[in-house]
Each structure stands twice: as C-alpha cells, then as structure tokens.
Amino acid sequence: MSNTPPTDVIGIDQRGIPTHACLVCGSTVFTVYASFEDYEIVAWWMDAECAQCGSPLTAPCPADRPVEEF
C-alpha cells in the first residue's frame, strides 16, 4: 500500500458516525492520534484520516461494534 493518496479518488468528509472502513476507497487503515504510557496506548482521538485516500472520518472503538457481532 502506498503512502501517496491516489489522484483519481476524491475524498469526502465521513466524520460523525464511527466506521471501520472508508466509504470512498474501502480501506481499513487509518491515521489516528494516540497517547502512550509505559509502551501501551492509553487514549486515542476519534478524528482520523483514511491512509489510502485521505478522507477525514471518525475512528471506531469497541463500543461501536454492532450487537450481532458479540
């Protein structure tokens, strides 16, 4: 996977509803801000960006998982 967004994809603002896959390109790799303590993630920000196309989105967390998947 390239770090350069494809030039033929136009991103859309997907923020507001947490998602586990980008609606534009289908990627499940996101760029997020995280805070670490003793080499472990202790917090992360929900604002994210698709690593493939650059679309802004809301990152999911375990509480966002649909009930039928438990």
C-alpha atoms as a PDB file:
ATOM      1  CA  MET A   1       0.000   0.000   0.000  1.00  0.00           C
ATOM      2  CA  SER A   2       1.365   3.384  -0.978  1.00  0.00           C
ATOM      3  CA  ASN A   3       1.524   6.372   1.367  1.00  0.00           C
ATOM      4  CA  THR A   4       0.558   8.632  -1.534  1.00  0.00           C
ATOM      5  CA  PRO A   5      -3.197   9.125  -1.984  1.00  0.00           C
ATOM      6  CA  PRO A   6      -4.412   8.177  -5.466  1.00  0.00           C
ATOM      7  CA  THR A   7      -5.077  11.181  -7.676  1.00  0.00           C
ATOM      8  CA  ASP A   8      -8.314   9.781  -9.123  1.00  0.00           C
ATOM      9  CA  VAL A   9     -10.079   9.464  -5.722  1.00  0.00           C
ATOM     10  CA  ILE A  10     -11.884  12.486  -4.304  1.00  0.00           C
ATOM     11  CA  GLY A  11     -12.307  12.195  -0.549  1.00  0.00           C
ATOM     12  CA  ILE A  12     -15.467  13.012   1.358  1.00  0.00           C
ATOM     13  CA  ASP A  13     -15.913  14.110   4.955  1.00  0.00           C
ATOM     14  CA  GLN A  14     -17.147  10.986   6.760  1.00  0.00           C
ATOM     15  CA  ARG A  15     -16.876  12.362  10.292  1.00  0.00           C
ATOM     16  CA  GLY A  16     -19.773  11.895  12.695  1.00  0.00           C
ATOM     17  CA  ILE A  17     -20.583   8.196  12.547  1.00  0.00           C
ATOM     18  CA  PRO A  18     -17.746   5.823  13.541  1.00  0.00           C
ATOM     19  CA  THR A  19     -16.757   3.458  10.749  1.00  0.00           C
ATOM     20  CA  HIS A  20     -14.290   0.580  10.398  1.00  0.00           C
ATOM     21  CA  ALA A  21     -13.867   1.023   6.626  1.00  0.00           C
ATOM     22  CA  CYS A  22     -13.572   4.099   4.411  1.00  0.00           C
ATOM     23  CA  LEU A  23     -16.703   4.716   2.352  1.00  0.00           C
ATOM     24  CA  VAL A  24     -14.656   6.155  -0.529  1.00  0.00           C
ATOM     25  CA  CYS A  25     -11.985   3.509  -1.094  1.00  0.00           C
ATOM     26  CA  GLY A  26     -12.821   0.668   1.340  1.00  0.00           C
ATOM     27  CA  SER A  27      -9.501   0.862   3.198  1.00  0.00           C
ATOM     28  CA  THR A  28      -9.439  -0.230   6.851  1.00  0.00           C
ATOM     29  CA  VAL A  29      -6.114   1.509   7.570  1.00  0.00           C
ATOM     30  CA  PHE A  30      -6.486   4.892   9.278  1.00  0.00           C
ATOM     31  CA  THR A  31      -4.149   7.561  10.601  1.00  0.00           C
ATOM     32  CA  VAL A  32      -5.086   8.408  14.202  1.00  0.00           C
ATOM     33  CA  TYR A  33      -3.544  10.337  17.083  1.00  0.00           C
ATOM     34  CA  ALA A  34      -2.774   8.217  20.115  1.00  0.00           C
ATOM     35  CA  SER A  35      -1.321   8.740  23.572  1.00  0.00           C
ATOM     36  CA  PHE A  36       1.093   6.210  25.066  1.00  0.00           C
ATOM     37  CA  GLU A  37       2.099   5.405  28.621  1.00  0.00           C
ATOM     38  CA  ASP A  38       4.568   2.651  29.510  1.00  0.00           C
ATOM     39  CA  TYR A  39       4.608   1.495  25.867  1.00  0.00           C
ATOM     40  CA  GLU A  40       0.838   0.975  25.714  1.00  0.00           C
ATOM     41  CA  ILE A  41      -1.924   3.009  24.108  1.00  0.00           C
ATOM     42  CA  VAL A  42      -3.845   4.764  26.866  1.00  0.00           C
ATOM     43  CA  ALA A  43      -6.007   7.033  24.698  1.00  0.00           C
ATOM     44  CA  TRP A  44      -6.766   7.737  21.062  1.00  0.00           C
ATOM     45  CA  TRP A  45      -8.600  10.505  19.294  1.00  0.00           C
ATOM     46  CA  MET A  46     -11.685   9.696  17.271  1.00  0.00           C
ATOM     47  CA  ASP A  47     -10.814  12.100  14.429  1.00  0.00           C
ATOM     48  CA  ALA A  48      -8.976  10.012  11.856  1.00  0.00           C
ATOM     49  CA  GLU A  49      -7.917  10.068   8.237  1.00  0.00           C
ATOM     50  CA  CYS A  50      -8.017   7.257   5.693  1.00  0.00           C
ATOM     51  CA  ALA A  51      -4.419   6.203   4.991  1.00  0.00           C
ATOM     52  CA  GLN A  52      -5.296   5.364   1.372  1.00  0.00           C
ATOM     53  CA  CYS A  53      -7.343   8.325   0.096  1.00  0.00           C
ATOM     54  CA  GLY A  54      -7.043  10.926   2.874  1.00  0.00           C
ATOM     55  CA  SER A  55     -10.765  11.260   3.619  1.00  0.00           C
ATOM     56  CA  PRO A  56     -11.489  12.501   7.156  1.00  0.00           C
ATOM     57  CA  LEU A  57     -13.564  10.080   9.240  1.00  0.00           C
ATOM     58  CA  THR A  58     -14.481   9.085  12.782  1.00  0.00           C
ATOM     59  CA  ALA A  59     -12.457   6.129  14.051  1.00  0.00           C
ATOM     60  CA  PRO A  60     -14.378   3.287  15.706  1.00  0.00           C
ATOM     61  CA  CYS A  61     -13.927   1.930  19.208  1.00  0.00           C
ATOM     62  CA  PRO A  62     -15.120  -1.377  20.731  1.00  0.00           C
ATOM     63  CA  ALA A  63     -18.417   0.193  21.868  1.00  0.00           C
ATOM     64  CA  ASP A  64     -19.253   0.920  18.194  1.00  0.00           C
ATOM     65  CA  ARG A  65     -19.284  -2.761  17.226  1.00  0.00           C
ATOM     66  CA  PRO A  66     -22.756  -3.899  16.097  1.00  0.00           C
ATOM     67  CA  VAL A  67     -24.576  -6.012  18.721  1.00  0.00           C
ATOM     68  CA  GLU A  68     -24.923  -9.028  16.397  1.00  0.00           C
ATOM     69  CA  GLU A  69     -21.110  -9.392  16.295  1.00  0.00           C
ATOM     70  CA  PHE A  70     -20.804 -10.103  20.059  1.00  0.00           C
END
